[in-house]
């Protein structure tokens, strides 16, 4: 899929030791990568058409608030001549609460943290992206549903802020009703 010439950007989350932005760029044979903040980065097949901009998201409710989450914006060239570009945002959200006997409080903390990160992301998208087309690529770590997935209950928080701001989810267009829990490969018998 990444050999498809129409794919011009790759948002990266958790790009650490062996999967640094530089190593990924070299492995793909692409031209550029952004800087990196706590694993968040952006790779561009043809290069960038402008400077990067970062927003740090609120992790104050997390067990480890210093485990920072970020959104990056950078205009990505759409062809080798960079005759056109589009603003691409790369985001990583994460909420983590203290698991206690009071699971209601635990999920309330997660919902509040994801809601804060979503609101900050939407504000950044609207300010920096403006009325021009732009794209958000992200590892948002939240999903909506009524049943557990891989022994985790859905948090049902955050994504509604993107919808309410009129952002469209490209997943259903590309993959129909497929569930998309691709982040679960490292859990035995869980996800695809």
N, C-alpha and C. Protein backbone atom coordinates (compact mmCIF):
# COMPACT_ATOMS: atom_id res chain seq x y z
N UNK A 1 0.83 -1.20 0.00
CA UNK A 1 0.00 0.00 0.00
C UNK A 1 0.87 1.26 0.00
N UNK A 2 1.96 1.27 0.76
CA UNK A 2 2.80 2.46 0.81
C UNK A 2 3.58 2.67 -0.48
N UNK A 3 3.60 1.68 -1.38
CA UNK A 3 4.23 1.87 -2.68
C UNK A 3 3.30 2.62 -3.64
N UNK A 4 2.04 2.76 -3.29
CA UNK A 4 1.07 3.51 -4.10
C UNK A 4 1.53 4.96 -4.20
N UNK A 5 1.80 5.47 -5.41
CA UNK A 5 2.31 6.84 -5.54
C UNK A 5 1.32 7.92 -5.09
N UNK A 6 0.06 7.56 -4.93
CA UNK A 6 -0.92 8.54 -4.46
C UNK A 6 -0.83 8.75 -2.95
N UNK A 7 -0.15 7.87 -2.25
CA UNK A 7 0.08 8.06 -0.81
C UNK A 7 1.28 8.96 -0.67
N UNK A 8 1.06 10.15 -0.14
CA UNK A 8 2.13 11.15 -0.07
C UNK A 8 2.53 11.50 1.35
N UNK A 9 1.79 11.00 2.34
CA UNK A 9 2.11 11.32 3.74
C UNK A 9 1.83 10.12 4.61
N UNK A 10 2.59 10.03 5.67
CA UNK A 10 2.41 8.97 6.66
C UNK A 10 2.54 9.61 8.03
N UNK A 11 1.46 9.57 8.81
CA UNK A 11 1.51 10.05 10.18
C UNK A 11 2.03 8.94 11.06
N UNK A 12 2.91 9.29 11.97
CA UNK A 12 3.56 8.29 12.81
C UNK A 12 3.28 8.61 14.27
N UNK A 13 2.94 7.57 15.01
CA UNK A 13 2.81 7.66 16.46
C UNK A 13 3.68 6.56 17.06
N UNK A 14 4.22 6.82 18.21
CA UNK A 14 5.06 5.85 18.89
C UNK A 14 6.27 5.46 18.04
N UNK A 15 6.87 6.43 17.36
CA UNK A 15 8.07 6.20 16.55
C UNK A 15 9.29 6.29 17.46
N UNK A 16 9.62 5.17 18.04
CA UNK A 16 10.72 5.13 18.99
C UNK A 16 11.86 4.28 18.48
N UNK A 17 12.80 3.87 19.32
CA UNK A 17 14.13 3.40 18.93
C UNK A 17 14.35 2.89 17.51
N UNK A 18 13.78 1.77 17.13
CA UNK A 18 14.10 1.24 15.79
C UNK A 18 13.20 1.85 14.72
N UNK A 19 12.13 2.48 15.09
CA UNK A 19 11.19 3.05 14.12
C UNK A 19 11.21 4.58 14.19
N UNK A 20 12.40 5.15 14.23
CA UNK A 20 12.52 6.61 14.25
C UNK A 20 12.03 7.17 12.92
N UNK A 21 11.63 8.44 12.89
CA UNK A 21 11.22 9.03 11.61
C UNK A 21 12.29 8.89 10.53
N UNK A 22 13.54 9.07 10.89
CA UNK A 22 14.63 8.95 9.92
C UNK A 22 14.72 7.52 9.38
N UNK A 23 14.65 6.53 10.26
CA UNK A 23 14.72 5.13 9.82
C UNK A 23 13.53 4.77 8.93
N UNK A 24 12.34 5.24 9.30
CA UNK A 24 11.16 4.96 8.48
C UNK A 24 11.28 5.62 7.11
N UNK A 25 11.72 6.86 7.08
CA UNK A 25 11.89 7.58 5.81
C UNK A 25 12.87 6.83 4.91
N UNK A 26 13.98 6.39 5.48
CA UNK A 26 14.98 5.66 4.69
C UNK A 26 14.42 4.33 4.20
N UNK A 27 13.69 3.62 5.04
CA UNK A 27 13.12 2.33 4.64
C UNK A 27 12.12 2.48 3.50
N UNK A 28 11.36 3.58 3.52
CA UNK A 28 10.37 3.82 2.48
C UNK A 28 10.99 4.44 1.22
N UNK A 29 12.16 5.04 1.37
CA UNK A 29 12.77 5.75 0.25
C UNK A 29 12.10 7.09 -0.02
N UNK A 30 11.46 7.65 0.99
CA UNK A 30 10.77 8.93 0.85
C UNK A 30 11.76 10.07 1.08
N UNK A 31 11.32 11.28 0.77
CA UNK A 31 12.23 12.43 0.78
C UNK A 31 12.38 13.15 2.11
N UNK A 32 11.37 13.14 2.96
CA UNK A 32 11.46 14.01 4.14
C UNK A 32 10.68 13.45 5.33
N UNK A 33 11.11 13.90 6.49
CA UNK A 33 10.36 13.64 7.72
C UNK A 33 10.45 14.88 8.59
N UNK A 34 9.43 15.03 9.41
CA UNK A 34 9.40 16.16 10.34
C UNK A 34 10.28 15.83 11.55
N UNK A 35 10.31 16.77 12.47
CA UNK A 35 10.92 16.45 13.76
C UNK A 35 9.95 15.51 14.48
N UNK A 36 10.30 15.11 15.69
CA UNK A 36 9.49 14.13 16.43
C UNK A 36 9.32 14.60 17.86
N UNK A 37 8.14 14.40 18.39
CA UNK A 37 7.87 14.69 19.80
C UNK A 37 7.12 13.51 20.40
N UNK A 38 7.75 12.86 21.33
CA UNK A 38 7.22 11.67 22.00
C UNK A 38 6.61 10.68 21.02
N UNK A 39 7.32 10.44 19.94
CA UNK A 39 6.90 9.44 18.97
C UNK A 39 6.02 9.94 17.85
N UNK A 40 5.56 11.17 17.89
CA UNK A 40 4.71 11.72 16.83
C UNK A 40 5.58 12.38 15.78
N UNK A 41 5.29 12.07 14.53
CA UNK A 41 6.05 12.62 13.41
C UNK A 41 5.21 12.53 12.15
N UNK A 42 5.74 13.07 11.08
CA UNK A 42 5.07 13.03 9.78
C UNK A 42 6.13 12.77 8.73
N UNK A 43 5.88 11.83 7.83
CA UNK A 43 6.77 11.53 6.72
C UNK A 43 6.11 12.00 5.44
N UNK A 44 6.92 12.49 4.49
CA UNK A 44 6.40 12.99 3.23
C UNK A 44 7.17 12.37 2.07
N UNK A 45 6.42 11.78 1.16
CA UNK A 45 7.04 11.14 -0.01
C UNK A 45 7.86 12.16 -0.81
N UNK A 46 7.28 13.34 -1.09
CA UNK A 46 7.93 14.32 -1.94
C UNK A 46 8.59 15.46 -1.18
N UNK A 47 8.21 15.65 0.05
CA UNK A 47 8.77 16.74 0.85
C UNK A 47 7.68 17.60 1.44
N UNK A 48 8.12 18.68 2.08
CA UNK A 48 7.20 19.59 2.76
C UNK A 48 7.22 20.95 2.07
N UNK A 49 6.09 21.65 2.17
CA UNK A 49 5.95 22.95 1.53
C UNK A 49 5.96 24.09 2.54
N UNK A 50 6.33 23.81 3.77
CA UNK A 50 6.36 24.84 4.78
C UNK A 50 6.79 24.30 6.13
N UNK A 51 6.78 25.18 7.10
CA UNK A 51 7.26 24.84 8.45
C UNK A 51 6.24 23.99 9.20
N UNK A 52 6.75 23.28 10.18
CA UNK A 52 5.87 22.49 11.05
C UNK A 52 5.39 23.34 12.21
N UNK A 53 4.23 22.92 12.76
CA UNK A 53 3.65 23.58 13.93
C UNK A 53 3.12 22.49 14.85
N UNK A 54 3.37 22.64 16.14
CA UNK A 54 3.00 21.63 17.14
C UNK A 54 2.03 22.21 18.17
N UNK A 55 1.14 21.34 18.67
CA UNK A 55 0.31 21.66 19.83
C UNK A 55 0.41 20.48 20.79
N UNK A 56 0.73 20.79 22.04
CA UNK A 56 0.78 19.75 23.08
C UNK A 56 -0.61 19.61 23.67
N UNK A 57 -1.08 18.38 23.80
CA UNK A 57 -2.41 18.10 24.31
C UNK A 57 -2.39 17.90 25.82
N UNK A 58 -3.53 18.09 26.44
CA UNK A 58 -3.67 18.00 27.89
C UNK A 58 -3.63 16.54 28.34
N UNK A 59 -2.63 16.20 29.12
CA UNK A 59 -2.53 14.86 29.72
C UNK A 59 -2.56 14.94 31.25
N UNK A 60 -3.06 16.06 31.78
CA UNK A 60 -3.00 16.30 33.22
C UNK A 60 -3.80 15.29 34.04
N UNK A 61 -4.79 14.64 33.45
CA UNK A 61 -5.59 13.65 34.19
C UNK A 61 -4.98 12.25 34.12
N UNK A 62 -3.97 12.07 33.30
CA UNK A 62 -3.37 10.75 33.12
C UNK A 62 -2.51 10.36 34.33
N UNK A 63 -2.32 9.08 34.50
CA UNK A 63 -1.47 8.57 35.58
C UNK A 63 -0.06 9.14 35.43
N UNK A 64 0.41 9.23 34.20
CA UNK A 64 1.74 9.80 33.92
C UNK A 64 1.56 11.05 33.05
N UNK A 65 1.24 12.19 33.65
CA UNK A 65 0.99 13.40 32.85
C UNK A 65 2.18 13.84 32.01
N UNK A 66 3.39 13.43 32.39
CA UNK A 66 4.58 13.82 31.63
C UNK A 66 4.74 12.98 30.36
N UNK A 67 3.90 11.95 30.18
CA UNK A 67 3.86 11.18 28.94
C UNK A 67 3.02 12.01 27.96
N UNK A 68 3.67 12.93 27.28
CA UNK A 68 2.98 13.96 26.51
C UNK A 68 2.36 13.42 25.22
N UNK A 69 1.28 14.05 24.81
CA UNK A 69 0.59 13.76 23.55
C UNK A 69 0.61 15.02 22.70
N UNK A 70 0.66 14.84 21.38
CA UNK A 70 0.90 15.96 20.48
C UNK A 70 0.05 15.89 19.22
N UNK A 71 -0.12 17.06 18.57
CA UNK A 71 -0.64 17.17 17.21
C UNK A 71 0.36 18.03 16.44
N UNK A 72 0.73 17.55 15.27
CA UNK A 72 1.67 18.23 14.38
C UNK A 72 0.93 18.63 13.11
N UNK A 73 1.22 19.82 12.59
CA UNK A 73 0.72 20.25 11.28
C UNK A 73 1.90 20.61 10.40
N UNK A 74 1.84 20.13 9.16
CA UNK A 74 2.85 20.53 8.19
C UNK A 74 2.27 20.38 6.79
N UNK A 75 2.50 21.37 5.92
CA UNK A 75 2.03 21.23 4.54
C UNK A 75 2.88 20.21 3.78
N UNK A 76 2.22 19.25 3.16
CA UNK A 76 2.88 18.15 2.46
C UNK A 76 2.74 18.37 0.95
N UNK A 77 3.86 18.22 0.24
CA UNK A 77 3.87 18.34 -1.22
C UNK A 77 3.09 17.16 -1.83
N UNK A 78 2.28 17.47 -2.82
CA UNK A 78 1.47 16.44 -3.47
C UNK A 78 2.16 15.82 -4.69
N UNK A 79 3.24 16.42 -5.14
CA UNK A 79 4.01 15.86 -6.26
C UNK A 79 5.48 16.24 -6.09
N UNK A 80 6.31 15.66 -6.94
CA UNK A 80 7.75 15.87 -6.81
C UNK A 80 8.15 17.33 -7.00
N UNK A 81 7.41 18.06 -7.83
CA UNK A 81 7.72 19.47 -8.06
C UNK A 81 7.14 20.36 -6.96
N UNK A 82 6.37 19.79 -6.09
CA UNK A 82 5.67 20.51 -5.02
C UNK A 82 4.84 21.66 -5.61
N UNK A 83 4.16 21.35 -6.71
CA UNK A 83 3.31 22.34 -7.37
C UNK A 83 2.01 22.57 -6.60
N UNK A 84 1.71 21.66 -5.68
CA UNK A 84 0.54 21.80 -4.82
C UNK A 84 0.84 21.11 -3.50
N UNK A 85 0.16 21.54 -2.45
CA UNK A 85 0.37 20.93 -1.14
C UNK A 85 -0.94 20.92 -0.37
N UNK A 86 -0.96 20.17 0.70
CA UNK A 86 -2.12 20.12 1.59
C UNK A 86 -1.60 20.03 3.02
N UNK A 87 -2.28 20.71 3.93
CA UNK A 87 -1.91 20.61 5.34
C UNK A 87 -2.31 19.23 5.87
N UNK A 88 -1.34 18.55 6.44
CA UNK A 88 -1.57 17.25 7.05
C UNK A 88 -1.23 17.37 8.53
N UNK A 89 -2.12 16.84 9.35
CA UNK A 89 -1.95 16.84 10.80
C UNK A 89 -1.72 15.40 11.25
N UNK A 90 -0.79 15.20 12.15
CA UNK A 90 -0.52 13.89 12.72
C UNK A 90 -0.73 14.01 14.23
N UNK A 91 -1.58 13.14 14.77
CA UNK A 91 -1.94 13.25 16.19
C UNK A 91 -1.78 11.93 16.92
N UNK A 92 -1.54 12.05 18.21
CA UNK A 92 -1.55 10.89 19.10
C UNK A 92 -2.29 11.31 20.36
N UNK A 93 -3.43 10.66 20.62
CA UNK A 93 -4.18 10.89 21.86
C UNK A 93 -3.96 9.68 22.76
N UNK A 94 -3.98 9.94 24.05
CA UNK A 94 -3.93 8.83 25.00
C UNK A 94 -4.45 9.30 26.35
N UNK A 95 -5.33 8.51 26.90
CA UNK A 95 -5.86 8.77 28.24
C UNK A 95 -5.64 7.54 29.09
N UNK A 96 -5.30 7.78 30.34
CA UNK A 96 -4.99 6.69 31.25
C UNK A 96 -5.43 7.10 32.65
N UNK A 97 -6.26 6.29 33.24
CA UNK A 97 -6.72 6.56 34.59
C UNK A 97 -6.25 5.50 35.56
N UNK A 98 -6.42 5.76 36.82
CA UNK A 98 -6.07 4.79 37.86
C UNK A 98 -7.21 3.78 37.96
N UNK A 99 -6.88 2.51 37.77
CA UNK A 99 -7.90 1.45 37.87
C UNK A 99 -8.14 1.14 39.35
N UNK A 100 -9.35 1.39 39.75
CA UNK A 100 -9.74 1.09 41.13
C UNK A 100 -11.03 0.29 41.10
N UNK A 101 -11.57 0.03 42.26
CA UNK A 101 -12.86 -0.66 42.33
C UNK A 101 -13.96 0.20 41.73
N UNK A 102 -13.76 1.51 41.69
CA UNK A 102 -14.76 2.42 41.13
C UNK A 102 -14.50 2.63 39.65
N UNK A 103 -14.93 1.67 38.83
CA UNK A 103 -14.70 1.75 37.39
C UNK A 103 -15.49 2.88 36.75
N UNK A 104 -16.55 3.31 37.40
CA UNK A 104 -17.31 4.46 36.88
C UNK A 104 -16.40 5.69 36.86
N UNK A 105 -15.68 5.92 37.95
CA UNK A 105 -14.75 7.04 38.02
C UNK A 105 -13.62 6.89 37.01
N UNK A 106 -13.13 5.67 36.85
CA UNK A 106 -12.06 5.39 35.89
C UNK A 106 -12.49 5.82 34.49
N UNK A 107 -13.67 5.36 34.04
CA UNK A 107 -14.14 5.70 32.69
C UNK A 107 -14.51 7.18 32.57
N UNK A 108 -14.95 7.77 33.64
CA UNK A 108 -15.24 9.21 33.62
C UNK A 108 -13.94 10.00 33.39
N UNK A 109 -12.86 9.57 34.04
CA UNK A 109 -11.56 10.22 33.84
C UNK A 109 -11.09 10.06 32.40
N UNK A 110 -11.23 8.85 31.85
CA UNK A 110 -10.83 8.62 30.46
C UNK A 110 -11.65 9.50 29.51
N UNK A 111 -12.96 9.54 29.71
CA UNK A 111 -13.82 10.36 28.84
C UNK A 111 -13.43 11.83 28.91
N UNK A 112 -13.15 12.32 30.11
CA UNK A 112 -12.78 13.72 30.27
C UNK A 112 -11.44 14.01 29.58
N UNK A 113 -10.47 13.11 29.75
CA UNK A 113 -9.16 13.32 29.14
C UNK A 113 -9.24 13.28 27.62
N UNK A 114 -9.93 12.29 27.06
CA UNK A 114 -10.09 12.21 25.60
C UNK A 114 -10.87 13.41 25.08
N UNK A 115 -11.86 13.86 25.81
CA UNK A 115 -12.63 15.03 25.38
C UNK A 115 -11.75 16.27 25.32
N UNK A 116 -10.91 16.46 26.32
CA UNK A 116 -10.00 17.61 26.30
C UNK A 116 -9.05 17.55 25.11
N UNK A 117 -8.47 16.37 24.88
CA UNK A 117 -7.53 16.22 23.77
C UNK A 117 -8.25 16.43 22.43
N UNK A 118 -9.47 15.95 22.32
CA UNK A 118 -10.24 16.13 21.09
C UNK A 118 -10.55 17.60 20.85
N UNK A 119 -10.99 18.30 21.88
CA UNK A 119 -11.31 19.72 21.73
C UNK A 119 -10.07 20.52 21.32
N UNK A 120 -8.93 20.21 21.92
CA UNK A 120 -7.69 20.91 21.56
C UNK A 120 -7.29 20.59 20.12
N UNK A 121 -7.47 19.34 19.71
CA UNK A 121 -7.15 18.95 18.33
C UNK A 121 -8.05 19.70 17.34
N UNK A 122 -9.34 19.71 17.61
CA UNK A 122 -10.28 20.40 16.72
C UNK A 122 -9.95 21.89 16.64
N UNK A 123 -9.64 22.51 17.77
CA UNK A 123 -9.30 23.94 17.76
C UNK A 123 -8.06 24.18 16.89
N UNK A 124 -7.07 23.31 16.99
CA UNK A 124 -5.86 23.43 16.17
C UNK A 124 -6.17 23.21 14.69
N UNK A 125 -6.94 22.17 14.38
CA UNK A 125 -7.33 21.90 13.00
C UNK A 125 -8.02 23.11 12.38
N UNK A 126 -8.95 23.68 13.13
CA UNK A 126 -9.72 24.81 12.60
C UNK A 126 -8.87 26.06 12.46
N UNK A 127 -8.00 26.31 13.43
CA UNK A 127 -7.14 27.50 13.37
C UNK A 127 -6.08 27.36 12.28
N UNK A 128 -5.33 26.26 12.31
CA UNK A 128 -4.20 26.11 11.39
C UNK A 128 -4.62 25.60 10.01
N UNK A 129 -5.69 24.83 9.96
CA UNK A 129 -6.16 24.31 8.68
C UNK A 129 -7.08 25.28 7.97
N UNK A 130 -7.81 26.06 8.76
CA UNK A 130 -8.73 27.04 8.21
C UNK A 130 -9.77 26.42 7.31
N UNK A 131 -10.17 27.14 6.28
CA UNK A 131 -11.22 26.68 5.37
C UNK A 131 -10.66 25.81 4.24
N UNK A 132 -9.34 25.74 4.12
CA UNK A 132 -8.72 24.93 3.07
C UNK A 132 -8.82 23.45 3.44
N UNK A 133 -8.87 22.56 2.44
CA UNK A 133 -8.87 21.12 2.76
C UNK A 133 -7.62 20.76 3.58
N UNK A 134 -7.81 19.88 4.54
CA UNK A 134 -6.70 19.39 5.34
C UNK A 134 -7.06 18.01 5.87
N UNK A 135 -6.04 17.30 6.33
CA UNK A 135 -6.21 15.89 6.71
C UNK A 135 -5.63 15.67 8.10
N UNK A 136 -6.35 14.88 8.90
CA UNK A 136 -5.86 14.44 10.20
C UNK A 136 -5.59 12.95 10.12
N UNK A 137 -4.36 12.58 10.44
CA UNK A 137 -3.96 11.18 10.56
C UNK A 137 -3.65 10.97 12.03
N UNK A 138 -4.21 9.93 12.64
CA UNK A 138 -3.91 9.82 14.05
C UNK A 138 -4.08 8.45 14.66
N UNK A 139 -3.39 8.28 15.75
CA UNK A 139 -3.57 7.14 16.65
C UNK A 139 -4.32 7.73 17.83
N UNK A 140 -5.64 7.64 17.78
CA UNK A 140 -6.47 8.34 18.76
C UNK A 140 -6.81 7.49 19.98
N UNK A 141 -6.57 6.20 19.91
CA UNK A 141 -6.73 5.31 21.07
C UNK A 141 -8.11 5.34 21.70
N UNK A 142 -9.10 5.76 20.98
CA UNK A 142 -10.47 5.74 21.49
C UNK A 142 -11.38 5.28 20.37
N UNK A 143 -12.45 4.63 20.73
CA UNK A 143 -13.41 4.17 19.73
C UNK A 143 -14.78 4.19 20.36
N UNK A 144 -15.77 4.04 19.49
CA UNK A 144 -17.15 4.08 19.94
C UNK A 144 -17.77 2.70 19.74
N UNK A 145 -18.64 2.33 20.64
CA UNK A 145 -19.32 1.06 20.52
C UNK A 145 -20.08 0.73 21.78
N UNK A 146 -20.66 -0.45 21.78
CA UNK A 146 -21.44 -0.88 22.94
C UNK A 146 -20.90 -2.16 23.57
N UNK A 147 -19.87 -2.74 22.95
CA UNK A 147 -19.32 -3.99 23.47
C UNK A 147 -17.80 -3.87 23.59
N UNK A 148 -17.22 -4.62 24.52
CA UNK A 148 -15.76 -4.61 24.67
C UNK A 148 -15.06 -5.13 23.41
N UNK A 149 -13.86 -4.64 23.20
CA UNK A 149 -12.98 -5.10 22.12
C UNK A 149 -11.67 -5.48 22.80
N UNK A 150 -11.27 -6.72 22.60
CA UNK A 150 -10.02 -7.20 23.20
C UNK A 150 -10.01 -6.95 24.70
N UNK A 151 -11.09 -7.24 25.35
CA UNK A 151 -11.23 -7.10 26.80
C UNK A 151 -11.17 -5.65 27.28
N UNK A 152 -11.39 -4.69 26.38
CA UNK A 152 -11.43 -3.29 26.77
C UNK A 152 -12.77 -2.71 26.34
N UNK A 153 -13.43 -2.04 27.27
CA UNK A 153 -14.70 -1.39 26.96
C UNK A 153 -14.45 -0.12 26.18
N UNK A 154 -15.32 0.20 25.22
CA UNK A 154 -15.17 1.46 24.51
C UNK A 154 -15.34 2.64 25.46
N UNK A 155 -14.63 3.70 25.20
CA UNK A 155 -14.70 4.89 26.05
C UNK A 155 -15.80 5.83 25.55
N UNK A 156 -16.08 5.78 24.24
CA UNK A 156 -17.12 6.62 23.64
C UNK A 156 -16.90 8.10 23.95
N UNK A 157 -15.69 8.55 23.73
CA UNK A 157 -15.37 9.97 23.99
C UNK A 157 -14.38 10.46 22.95
N UNK A 158 -14.49 11.73 22.62
CA UNK A 158 -13.52 12.40 21.77
C UNK A 158 -13.92 12.49 20.32
N UNK A 159 -14.31 11.39 19.73
CA UNK A 159 -14.58 11.38 18.30
C UNK A 159 -15.77 12.26 17.92
N UNK A 160 -16.70 12.42 18.81
CA UNK A 160 -17.88 13.25 18.52
C UNK A 160 -17.47 14.71 18.26
N UNK A 161 -16.39 15.18 18.87
CA UNK A 161 -15.95 16.55 18.64
C UNK A 161 -15.50 16.75 17.19
N UNK A 162 -14.88 15.73 16.62
CA UNK A 162 -14.48 15.82 15.21
C UNK A 162 -15.72 15.85 14.31
N UNK A 163 -16.69 14.98 14.59
CA UNK A 163 -17.92 14.98 13.79
C UNK A 163 -18.68 16.29 13.91
N UNK A 164 -18.79 16.81 15.13
CA UNK A 164 -19.52 18.05 15.36
C UNK A 164 -18.86 19.24 14.65
N UNK A 165 -17.56 19.13 14.39
CA UNK A 165 -16.84 20.18 13.66
C UNK A 165 -16.85 19.90 12.15
N UNK A 166 -17.65 18.93 11.73
CA UNK A 166 -17.85 18.57 10.32
C UNK A 166 -16.65 17.89 9.66
N UNK A 167 -15.83 17.20 10.46
CA UNK A 167 -14.78 16.39 9.88
C UNK A 167 -15.37 15.03 9.52
N UNK A 168 -14.89 14.46 8.42
CA UNK A 168 -15.37 13.18 7.93
C UNK A 168 -14.34 12.10 8.16
N UNK A 169 -14.79 10.93 8.55
CA UNK A 169 -13.94 9.78 8.77
C UNK A 169 -13.77 9.05 7.44
N UNK A 170 -12.55 8.94 6.94
CA UNK A 170 -12.29 8.30 5.66
C UNK A 170 -12.37 6.78 5.75
N UNK A 171 -12.29 6.20 6.94
CA UNK A 171 -12.28 4.74 7.07
C UNK A 171 -13.48 4.08 6.40
N UNK A 172 -14.73 4.50 6.70
CA UNK A 172 -15.87 3.83 6.05
C UNK A 172 -15.86 3.93 4.52
N UNK A 173 -15.38 5.05 3.99
CA UNK A 173 -15.28 5.22 2.55
C UNK A 173 -14.32 4.19 1.96
N UNK A 174 -13.20 3.98 2.64
CA UNK A 174 -12.17 3.09 2.13
C UNK A 174 -12.42 1.62 2.45
N UNK A 175 -12.99 1.34 3.64
CA UNK A 175 -13.07 -0.04 4.11
C UNK A 175 -14.47 -0.50 4.50
N UNK A 176 -15.48 0.32 4.23
CA UNK A 176 -16.85 -0.09 4.52
C UNK A 176 -17.06 -0.34 6.00
N UNK A 177 -17.66 -1.47 6.31
CA UNK A 177 -17.99 -1.80 7.69
C UNK A 177 -16.91 -2.52 8.46
N UNK A 178 -15.72 -2.68 7.89
CA UNK A 178 -14.63 -3.36 8.60
C UNK A 178 -14.33 -2.61 9.89
N UNK A 179 -14.12 -3.35 10.98
CA UNK A 179 -14.00 -2.71 12.30
C UNK A 179 -12.72 -1.91 12.48
N UNK A 180 -11.62 -2.28 11.89
CA UNK A 180 -10.43 -1.44 11.92
C UNK A 180 -9.61 -1.48 13.18
N UNK A 181 -9.76 -2.49 14.02
CA UNK A 181 -8.97 -2.56 15.25
C UNK A 181 -7.58 -3.10 14.93
N UNK A 182 -6.84 -2.39 14.10
CA UNK A 182 -5.54 -2.87 13.65
C UNK A 182 -4.47 -2.74 14.71
N UNK A 183 -4.69 -1.94 15.71
CA UNK A 183 -3.70 -1.75 16.76
C UNK A 183 -3.61 -2.90 17.72
N UNK A 184 -4.35 -3.95 17.50
CA UNK A 184 -4.39 -5.05 18.46
C UNK A 184 -3.56 -6.25 18.02
N UNK A 185 -2.70 -6.08 17.02
CA UNK A 185 -1.91 -7.21 16.52
C UNK A 185 -1.05 -7.85 17.60
N UNK A 186 -0.62 -7.07 18.57
CA UNK A 186 0.26 -7.60 19.59
C UNK A 186 -0.50 -8.31 20.71
N UNK A 187 -1.80 -8.43 20.57
CA UNK A 187 -2.60 -9.16 21.55
C UNK A 187 -3.09 -10.45 20.94
N UNK A 188 -2.73 -11.55 21.52
CA UNK A 188 -3.03 -12.86 20.98
C UNK A 188 -4.53 -13.02 20.71
N UNK A 189 -4.85 -13.40 19.46
CA UNK A 189 -6.23 -13.66 19.07
C UNK A 189 -7.10 -12.41 19.04
N UNK A 190 -6.50 -11.26 18.90
CA UNK A 190 -7.26 -10.02 19.00
C UNK A 190 -6.90 -9.09 17.86
N UNK A 191 -7.83 -8.83 16.97
CA UNK A 191 -7.60 -7.89 15.88
C UNK A 191 -6.94 -8.53 14.69
N UNK A 192 -6.85 -7.76 13.63
CA UNK A 192 -6.25 -8.26 12.39
C UNK A 192 -5.26 -7.23 11.88
